[in-house]
């Protein structure tokens, strides 16, 4: 590169008189090769042979399938969250355990709190204010605070 030569001299974009748009020759769009076996089988049987289907069709089908599957999941979880926030739905608390076959041993209030405090959801999200089975009459706020400090 000579001293009088600019660093932009080789660039077609920076030449004097040149238009700012590079000259790109239009190319004919190539159609994706359709597998005649896939379409022929689809027309004849009315069923899709996914092994013969082109990758673009399989990808699109998978995307549509995942969206349609997620709609009921999102709807149900949104409905339950709405009910929890409105106070119409409560979380059930384990009230006892099975011992020696079919005998059921009921938990007292302290054991219920211990089971709840040791649960994964309590550890992740903290105290749930919509618990079914705990009321302000059965457990007062001071006793729960003392239990939290003790453990």
N, C-alpha and C. Protein backbone atom coordinates (compact mmCIF):
# COMPACT_ATOMS: atom_id res chain seq x y z
N UNK A 1 0.85 -1.17 0.00
CA UNK A 1 0.00 0.00 0.00
C UNK A 1 0.90 1.23 0.00
N UNK A 2 0.69 2.08 -0.96
CA UNK A 2 1.51 3.30 -1.09
C UNK A 2 1.02 4.35 -0.11
N UNK A 3 1.88 5.36 0.14
CA UNK A 3 1.55 6.40 1.10
C UNK A 3 0.39 7.27 0.65
N UNK A 4 0.29 7.52 -0.67
CA UNK A 4 -0.79 8.37 -1.16
C UNK A 4 -2.10 7.62 -1.32
N UNK A 5 -2.06 6.35 -1.16
CA UNK A 5 -3.26 5.53 -1.34
C UNK A 5 -4.05 5.49 -0.03
N UNK A 6 -5.34 5.70 -0.12
CA UNK A 6 -6.20 5.70 1.05
C UNK A 6 -6.55 4.27 1.45
N UNK A 7 -6.89 4.10 2.69
CA UNK A 7 -7.28 2.76 3.13
C UNK A 7 -8.63 2.36 2.56
N UNK A 8 -9.39 3.35 2.02
CA UNK A 8 -10.69 3.05 1.44
C UNK A 8 -10.62 2.93 -0.08
N UNK A 9 -9.46 3.01 -0.67
CA UNK A 9 -9.37 3.04 -2.13
C UNK A 9 -9.79 1.71 -2.76
N UNK A 10 -9.59 0.63 -2.09
CA UNK A 10 -9.96 -0.67 -2.66
C UNK A 10 -11.43 -1.00 -2.46
N UNK A 11 -12.08 -0.29 -1.57
CA UNK A 11 -13.47 -0.57 -1.26
C UNK A 11 -14.38 0.00 -2.34
N UNK A 12 -15.30 -0.79 -2.85
CA UNK A 12 -16.23 -0.31 -3.87
C UNK A 12 -17.25 0.65 -3.27
N UNK A 13 -17.44 0.59 -1.99
CA UNK A 13 -18.41 1.46 -1.34
C UNK A 13 -17.91 2.90 -1.25
N UNK A 14 -16.59 3.10 -1.08
CA UNK A 14 -16.04 4.43 -0.85
C UNK A 14 -15.48 5.08 -2.11
N UNK A 15 -15.60 4.48 -3.26
CA UNK A 15 -15.10 5.10 -4.48
C UNK A 15 -15.98 6.27 -4.88
N UNK A 16 -15.33 7.26 -5.50
CA UNK A 16 -16.09 8.42 -5.97
C UNK A 16 -16.96 8.01 -7.14
N UNK A 17 -18.19 8.47 -7.14
CA UNK A 17 -19.11 8.17 -8.23
C UNK A 17 -19.80 6.83 -8.07
N UNK A 18 -19.38 6.04 -7.15
CA UNK A 18 -20.02 4.74 -6.95
C UNK A 18 -21.25 4.93 -6.08
N UNK A 19 -22.26 4.17 -6.35
CA UNK A 19 -23.47 4.21 -5.54
C UNK A 19 -23.22 3.44 -4.25
N UNK A 20 -23.93 3.85 -3.22
CA UNK A 20 -23.72 3.25 -1.91
C UNK A 20 -24.22 1.83 -1.78
N UNK A 21 -25.03 1.40 -2.73
CA UNK A 21 -25.59 0.06 -2.65
C UNK A 21 -24.72 -0.88 -3.46
N UNK A 22 -24.22 -1.94 -2.87
CA UNK A 22 -23.42 -2.88 -3.65
C UNK A 22 -24.27 -3.57 -4.70
N UNK A 23 -23.63 -3.92 -5.80
CA UNK A 23 -24.33 -4.55 -6.91
C UNK A 23 -24.41 -6.05 -6.65
N UNK A 24 -25.59 -6.50 -6.36
CA UNK A 24 -25.81 -7.92 -6.11
C UNK A 24 -26.72 -8.43 -7.22
N UNK A 25 -26.26 -9.45 -7.88
CA UNK A 25 -27.08 -10.00 -8.97
C UNK A 25 -28.19 -10.85 -8.38
N UNK A 26 -29.41 -10.63 -8.86
CA UNK A 26 -30.51 -11.43 -8.32
C UNK A 26 -30.37 -12.88 -8.76
N UNK A 27 -30.51 -13.76 -7.83
CA UNK A 27 -30.44 -15.18 -8.15
C UNK A 27 -31.84 -15.77 -8.04
N UNK A 28 -32.06 -16.76 -8.82
CA UNK A 28 -33.37 -17.41 -8.80
C UNK A 28 -33.51 -18.19 -7.49
N UNK A 29 -34.62 -18.02 -6.82
CA UNK A 29 -34.80 -18.81 -5.60
C UNK A 29 -34.92 -20.28 -5.94
N UNK A 30 -34.24 -21.08 -5.19
CA UNK A 30 -34.30 -22.52 -5.44
C UNK A 30 -35.38 -23.11 -4.56
N UNK A 31 -36.23 -23.86 -5.16
CA UNK A 31 -37.28 -24.53 -4.40
C UNK A 31 -36.69 -25.72 -3.67
N UNK A 32 -37.18 -25.92 -2.47
CA UNK A 32 -36.75 -27.08 -1.72
C UNK A 32 -37.22 -28.34 -2.44
N UNK A 33 -36.35 -29.30 -2.49
CA UNK A 33 -36.69 -30.53 -3.20
C UNK A 33 -37.77 -31.27 -2.43
N UNK A 34 -38.93 -31.39 -3.02
CA UNK A 34 -40.03 -32.12 -2.40
C UNK A 34 -39.85 -33.60 -2.69
N UNK A 35 -39.99 -34.38 -1.68
CA UNK A 35 -39.89 -35.82 -1.84
C UNK A 35 -41.23 -36.33 -2.36
N UNK A 36 -41.24 -36.88 -3.57
CA UNK A 36 -42.53 -37.34 -4.11
C UNK A 36 -43.13 -38.49 -3.29
N UNK A 37 -42.31 -39.26 -2.61
CA UNK A 37 -42.82 -40.36 -1.79
C UNK A 37 -43.64 -39.86 -0.61
N UNK A 38 -43.22 -38.73 -0.04
CA UNK A 38 -43.93 -38.15 1.10
C UNK A 38 -45.32 -37.68 0.67
N UNK A 39 -45.38 -36.89 -0.39
CA UNK A 39 -46.67 -36.37 -0.85
C UNK A 39 -47.57 -37.48 -1.40
N UNK A 40 -46.96 -38.41 -2.12
CA UNK A 40 -47.74 -39.51 -2.69
C UNK A 40 -48.37 -40.35 -1.57
N UNK A 41 -47.59 -40.67 -0.56
CA UNK A 41 -48.11 -41.45 0.57
C UNK A 41 -49.17 -40.69 1.35
N UNK A 42 -49.00 -39.37 1.46
CA UNK A 42 -49.97 -38.55 2.17
C UNK A 42 -51.30 -38.52 1.43
N UNK A 43 -51.25 -38.39 0.12
CA UNK A 43 -52.48 -38.33 -0.67
C UNK A 43 -53.18 -39.69 -0.68
N UNK A 44 -52.41 -40.75 -0.82
CA UNK A 44 -53.01 -42.09 -0.93
C UNK A 44 -53.61 -42.57 0.39
N UNK A 45 -52.86 -42.44 1.46
CA UNK A 45 -53.32 -43.01 2.72
C UNK A 45 -53.98 -42.00 3.64
N UNK A 46 -53.67 -40.73 3.48
CA UNK A 46 -54.21 -39.72 4.37
C UNK A 46 -53.43 -39.63 5.68
N UNK A 47 -52.39 -40.42 5.80
CA UNK A 47 -51.54 -40.40 6.98
C UNK A 47 -50.15 -39.91 6.59
N UNK A 48 -49.49 -39.32 7.55
CA UNK A 48 -48.17 -38.76 7.30
C UNK A 48 -47.10 -39.77 7.71
N UNK A 49 -46.16 -40.01 6.80
CA UNK A 49 -45.00 -40.82 7.12
C UNK A 49 -43.87 -39.85 7.46
N UNK A 50 -43.63 -39.66 8.76
CA UNK A 50 -42.70 -38.62 9.20
C UNK A 50 -41.26 -38.93 8.82
N UNK A 51 -40.94 -40.18 8.54
CA UNK A 51 -39.58 -40.50 8.12
C UNK A 51 -39.30 -39.99 6.72
N UNK A 52 -40.32 -39.88 5.89
CA UNK A 52 -40.16 -39.37 4.53
C UNK A 52 -40.38 -37.87 4.43
N UNK A 53 -40.88 -37.26 5.48
CA UNK A 53 -41.19 -35.82 5.45
C UNK A 53 -39.92 -34.99 5.43
N UNK A 54 -39.95 -33.88 4.69
CA UNK A 54 -38.79 -32.97 4.71
C UNK A 54 -38.59 -32.37 6.09
N UNK A 55 -37.35 -31.97 6.37
CA UNK A 55 -37.00 -31.46 7.70
C UNK A 55 -37.78 -30.20 8.05
N UNK A 56 -38.04 -29.33 7.08
CA UNK A 56 -38.77 -28.09 7.36
C UNK A 56 -40.20 -28.39 7.83
N UNK A 57 -40.83 -29.38 7.23
CA UNK A 57 -42.21 -29.73 7.62
C UNK A 57 -42.21 -30.35 9.02
N UNK A 58 -41.22 -31.20 9.30
CA UNK A 58 -41.15 -31.81 10.63
C UNK A 58 -40.91 -30.76 11.70
N UNK A 59 -40.05 -29.80 11.41
CA UNK A 59 -39.76 -28.74 12.38
C UNK A 59 -40.99 -27.89 12.64
N UNK A 60 -41.69 -27.52 11.57
CA UNK A 60 -42.90 -26.70 11.72
C UNK A 60 -43.96 -27.46 12.51
N UNK A 61 -44.15 -28.74 12.21
CA UNK A 61 -45.14 -29.55 12.92
C UNK A 61 -44.79 -29.63 14.40
N UNK A 62 -43.51 -29.83 14.71
CA UNK A 62 -43.10 -29.92 16.11
C UNK A 62 -43.38 -28.63 16.85
N UNK A 63 -43.11 -27.49 16.21
CA UNK A 63 -43.38 -26.19 16.84
C UNK A 63 -44.85 -25.98 17.11
N UNK A 64 -45.68 -26.30 16.13
CA UNK A 64 -47.13 -26.15 16.31
C UNK A 64 -47.63 -27.09 17.41
N UNK A 65 -47.12 -28.30 17.42
CA UNK A 65 -47.51 -29.28 18.44
C UNK A 65 -47.15 -28.78 19.84
N UNK A 66 -45.95 -28.25 20.01
CA UNK A 66 -45.54 -27.76 21.33
C UNK A 66 -46.37 -26.58 21.79
N UNK A 67 -46.72 -25.69 20.86
CA UNK A 67 -47.57 -24.55 21.22
C UNK A 67 -48.95 -25.04 21.66
N UNK A 68 -49.52 -25.97 20.92
CA UNK A 68 -50.86 -26.47 21.26
C UNK A 68 -50.86 -27.25 22.58
N UNK A 69 -49.79 -27.96 22.85
CA UNK A 69 -49.71 -28.70 24.12
C UNK A 69 -49.55 -27.74 25.29
N UNK A 70 -48.84 -26.64 25.08
CA UNK A 70 -48.60 -25.71 26.19
C UNK A 70 -49.82 -24.88 26.56
N UNK A 71 -50.78 -24.73 25.65
CA UNK A 71 -51.96 -23.91 25.94
C UNK A 71 -52.74 -24.42 27.15
N UNK A 72 -53.11 -25.72 27.23
CA UNK A 72 -53.84 -26.17 28.42
C UNK A 72 -53.01 -26.09 29.70
N UNK A 73 -51.71 -26.33 29.60
CA UNK A 73 -50.86 -26.26 30.78
C UNK A 73 -50.83 -24.84 31.33
N UNK A 74 -50.65 -23.87 30.45
CA UNK A 74 -50.62 -22.47 30.88
C UNK A 74 -51.98 -22.05 31.41
N UNK A 75 -53.05 -22.49 30.75
CA UNK A 75 -54.39 -22.11 31.18
C UNK A 75 -54.70 -22.65 32.58
N UNK A 76 -54.42 -23.93 32.80
CA UNK A 76 -54.72 -24.53 34.11
C UNK A 76 -53.88 -23.91 35.23
N UNK A 77 -52.61 -23.71 34.96
CA UNK A 77 -51.77 -23.12 36.02
C UNK A 77 -52.16 -21.67 36.29
N UNK A 78 -52.54 -20.92 35.26
CA UNK A 78 -52.98 -19.53 35.47
C UNK A 78 -54.28 -19.50 36.27
N UNK A 79 -55.19 -20.41 35.97
CA UNK A 79 -56.46 -20.48 36.69
C UNK A 79 -56.23 -20.79 38.17
N UNK A 80 -55.35 -21.74 38.45
CA UNK A 80 -55.07 -22.11 39.84
C UNK A 80 -54.36 -20.97 40.58
N UNK A 81 -53.44 -20.30 39.92
CA UNK A 81 -52.78 -19.15 40.56
C UNK A 81 -53.78 -18.05 40.87
N UNK A 82 -54.71 -17.81 39.96
CA UNK A 82 -55.74 -16.80 40.18
C UNK A 82 -56.59 -17.17 41.39
N UNK A 83 -56.99 -18.45 41.48
CA UNK A 83 -57.80 -18.89 42.62
C UNK A 83 -57.02 -18.78 43.92
N UNK A 84 -55.72 -19.08 43.90
CA UNK A 84 -54.90 -18.96 45.12
C UNK A 84 -54.82 -17.51 45.57
N UNK A 85 -54.63 -16.60 44.61
CA UNK A 85 -54.50 -15.18 44.98
C UNK A 85 -55.82 -14.61 45.47
N UNK A 86 -56.94 -15.10 44.94
CA UNK A 86 -58.25 -14.63 45.38
C UNK A 86 -58.68 -15.26 46.70
N UNK A 87 -57.95 -16.28 47.15
CA UNK A 87 -58.28 -16.94 48.41
C UNK A 87 -59.35 -18.01 48.27
N UNK A 88 -59.67 -18.41 47.05
CA UNK A 88 -60.70 -19.43 46.83
C UNK A 88 -60.11 -20.83 46.86
N UNK A 89 -58.81 -20.94 46.74
CA UNK A 89 -58.16 -22.24 46.76
C UNK A 89 -57.09 -22.22 47.85
N UNK A 90 -56.96 -23.32 48.54
CA UNK A 90 -55.97 -23.39 49.61
C UNK A 90 -55.08 -24.60 49.41
N UNK A 91 -53.90 -24.54 49.98
CA UNK A 91 -52.98 -25.65 49.91
C UNK A 91 -53.29 -26.61 51.04
N UNK A 92 -53.37 -27.88 50.74
CA UNK A 92 -53.66 -28.89 51.76
C UNK A 92 -52.39 -29.21 52.54
N UNK A 93 -52.55 -29.46 53.81
CA UNK A 93 -51.43 -29.77 54.69
C UNK A 93 -51.53 -31.23 55.08
N UNK A 94 -50.38 -31.91 55.16
CA UNK A 94 -50.36 -33.30 55.59
C UNK A 94 -50.81 -33.36 57.04
N UNK A 95 -51.85 -34.14 57.30
CA UNK A 95 -52.44 -34.16 58.63
C UNK A 95 -52.11 -35.41 59.42
N UNK A 96 -51.43 -36.37 58.80
CA UNK A 96 -51.09 -37.59 59.51
C UNK A 96 -50.19 -38.47 58.66
N UNK A 97 -49.91 -39.67 59.21
CA UNK A 97 -49.08 -40.61 58.46
C UNK A 97 -49.56 -42.03 58.71
N UNK A 98 -49.25 -42.91 57.78
CA UNK A 98 -49.60 -44.32 57.93
C UNK A 98 -48.50 -45.02 58.72
N UNK A 99 -48.89 -45.76 59.73
CA UNK A 99 -47.93 -46.54 60.50
C UNK A 99 -48.44 -47.96 60.64
N UNK A 100 -47.54 -48.92 60.55
CA UNK A 100 -47.86 -50.34 60.73
C UNK A 100 -49.09 -50.76 59.95
N UNK A 101 -48.98 -50.74 58.65
CA UNK A 101 -50.09 -51.18 57.82
C UNK A 101 -51.05 -50.06 57.50
N UNK A 102 -52.30 -50.22 57.96
CA UNK A 102 -53.33 -49.25 57.60
C UNK A 102 -53.72 -48.32 58.74
N UNK A 103 -52.97 -48.34 59.81
CA UNK A 103 -53.27 -47.47 60.94
C UNK A 103 -52.77 -46.05 60.63
N UNK A 104 -53.61 -45.06 60.93
CA UNK A 104 -53.27 -43.66 60.66
C UNK A 104 -53.01 -42.95 61.98
N UNK A 105 -51.86 -42.29 62.06
CA UNK A 105 -51.52 -41.50 63.23
C UNK A 105 -51.68 -40.02 62.85
N UNK A 106 -52.56 -39.33 63.56
CA UNK A 106 -52.80 -37.91 63.28
C UNK A 106 -51.68 -37.07 63.87
N UNK A 107 -51.32 -36.00 63.14
CA UNK A 107 -50.32 -35.05 63.63
C UNK A 107 -50.98 -34.02 64.52
N UNK A 108 -50.26 -33.55 65.53
CA UNK A 108 -50.74 -32.38 66.26
C UNK A 108 -50.24 -31.13 65.50
N UNK A 109 -50.60 -29.95 66.00
CA UNK A 109 -50.30 -28.72 65.27
C UNK A 109 -48.80 -28.49 65.10
N UNK A 110 -48.03 -28.85 66.10
CA UNK A 110 -46.58 -28.63 66.01
C UNK A 110 -45.97 -29.53 64.95
N UNK A 111 -46.41 -30.80 64.90
CA UNK A 111 -45.90 -31.71 63.87
C UNK A 111 -46.31 -31.27 62.48
N UNK A 112 -47.53 -30.73 62.34
CA UNK A 112 -47.95 -30.21 61.04
C UNK A 112 -47.02 -29.10 60.58
N UNK A 113 -46.68 -28.20 61.52
CA UNK A 113 -45.76 -27.11 61.16
C UNK A 113 -44.39 -27.63 60.80
N UNK A 114 -43.92 -28.66 61.52
CA UNK A 114 -42.60 -29.22 61.22
C UNK A 114 -42.58 -29.83 59.82
N UNK A 115 -43.64 -30.56 59.47
CA UNK A 115 -43.71 -31.16 58.13
C UNK A 115 -43.75 -30.07 57.07
N UNK A 116 -44.53 -29.02 57.33
CA UNK A 116 -44.63 -27.93 56.37
C UNK A 116 -43.30 -27.19 56.23
N UNK A 117 -42.64 -26.94 57.35
CA UNK A 117 -41.37 -26.21 57.30
C UNK A 117 -40.27 -27.01 56.64
N UNK A 118 -40.34 -28.33 56.69
CA UNK A 118 -39.33 -29.17 56.06
C UNK A 118 -39.63 -29.45 54.59
N UNK A 119 -40.75 -28.97 54.09
CA UNK A 119 -41.10 -29.24 52.70
C UNK A 119 -40.25 -28.38 51.76
N UNK A 120 -40.10 -28.84 50.55
CA UNK A 120 -39.31 -28.14 49.55
C UNK A 120 -39.93 -26.79 49.18
N UNK A 121 -41.25 -26.74 49.05
CA UNK A 121 -41.92 -25.50 48.68
C UNK A 121 -41.74 -24.43 49.75
N UNK A 122 -41.76 -24.83 51.02
CA UNK A 122 -41.56 -23.87 52.11
C UNK A 122 -40.14 -23.32 52.07
N UNK A 123 -39.19 -24.20 51.77
CA UNK A 123 -37.79 -23.76 51.71
C UNK A 123 -37.56 -22.82 50.54
N UNK A 124 -38.23 -23.08 49.43
CA UNK A 124 -38.03 -22.22 48.25
C UNK A 124 -38.76 -20.90 48.37
N UNK A 125 -40.04 -20.93 48.76
CA UNK A 125 -40.89 -19.75 48.68
C UNK A 125 -41.28 -19.15 50.03
N UNK A 126 -40.94 -19.81 51.11
CA UNK A 126 -41.29 -19.28 52.41
C UNK A 126 -42.68 -19.70 52.83
N UNK A 127 -43.18 -19.01 53.87
CA UNK A 127 -44.47 -19.36 54.46
C UNK A 127 -45.60 -19.11 53.46
N UNK A 128 -46.50 -20.09 53.36
CA UNK A 128 -47.66 -19.97 52.49
C UNK A 128 -48.84 -19.50 53.33
N UNK A 129 -49.42 -18.38 52.96
CA UNK A 129 -50.51 -17.80 53.74
C UNK A 129 -51.87 -18.40 53.39
N UNK A 130 -51.91 -19.33 52.45
CA UNK A 130 -53.17 -19.93 52.05
C UNK A 130 -53.20 -21.41 52.42
N UNK A 131 -52.66 -21.75 53.58
CA UNK A 131 -52.66 -23.14 54.01
C UNK A 131 -54.01 -23.53 54.56
N UNK A 132 -54.48 -24.71 54.19
CA UNK A 132 -55.73 -25.22 54.73
C UNK A 132 -55.39 -26.08 55.94
N UNK A 133 -56.01 -25.80 57.06
CA UNK A 133 -55.75 -26.58 58.27
C UNK A 133 -55.09 -25.76 59.34
N UNK A 134 -54.54 -24.62 59.01
CA UNK A 134 -53.96 -23.73 59.99
C UNK A 134 -54.83 -22.48 60.06
N UNK A 135 -55.20 -22.12 61.24
CA UNK A 135 -55.98 -20.90 61.43
C UNK A 135 -55.34 -20.07 62.52
N UNK A 136 -55.76 -18.84 62.62
CA UNK A 136 -55.21 -17.98 63.67
C UNK A 136 -55.63 -18.48 65.04
N UNK A 137 -56.70 -19.25 65.10
CA UNK A 137 -57.15 -19.77 66.39
C UNK A 137 -56.32 -20.96 66.84
N UNK A 138 -55.88 -21.79 65.90
CA UNK A 138 -55.14 -22.99 66.28
C UNK A 138 -53.68 -22.69 66.55
N UNK A 139 -53.08 -21.81 65.76
CA UNK A 139 -51.68 -21.46 65.99
C UNK A 139 -51.58 -19.95 65.97
N UNK A 140 -51.11 -19.39 67.07
CA UNK A 140 -50.96 -17.94 67.08
C UNK A 140 -49.60 -17.55 66.52
N UNK A 141 -49.46 -16.31 66.16
CA UNK A 141 -48.26 -15.84 65.48
C UNK A 141 -47.01 -16.00 66.35
N UNK A 142 -47.11 -15.77 67.65
CA UNK A 142 -45.94 -15.85 68.52
C UNK A 142 -45.37 -17.26 68.59
N UNK A 143 -46.22 -18.28 68.62
CA UNK A 143 -45.72 -19.65 68.72
C UNK A 143 -45.00 -20.06 67.44
N UNK A 144 -45.46 -19.61 66.28
CA UNK A 144 -44.77 -19.96 65.03
C UNK A 144 -43.44 -19.25 64.93
N UNK A 145 -43.35 -18.00 65.42
CA UNK A 145 -42.08 -17.29 65.40
C UNK A 145 -41.06 -17.95 66.31
N UNK A 146 -41.52 -18.42 67.48
CA UNK A 146 -40.63 -19.11 68.40
C UNK A 146 -40.14 -20.42 67.81
N UNK A 147 -41.02 -21.12 67.09
CA UNK A 147 -40.62 -22.37 66.46
C UNK A 147 -39.61 -22.11 65.36
N UNK A 148 -39.79 -21.02 64.59
CA UNK A 148 -38.84 -20.69 63.53
C UNK A 148 -37.46 -20.39 64.12
N UNK A 149 -37.43 -19.70 65.25
CA UNK A 149 -36.15 -19.35 65.87
C UNK A 149 -35.49 -20.58 66.48
N UNK A 150 -36.31 -21.51 66.99
CA UNK A 150 -35.78 -22.69 67.65
C UNK A 150 -35.13 -23.67 66.70
N UNK A 151 -35.54 -23.70 65.45
CA UNK A 151 -34.98 -24.68 64.52
C UNK A 151 -34.07 -24.04 63.54
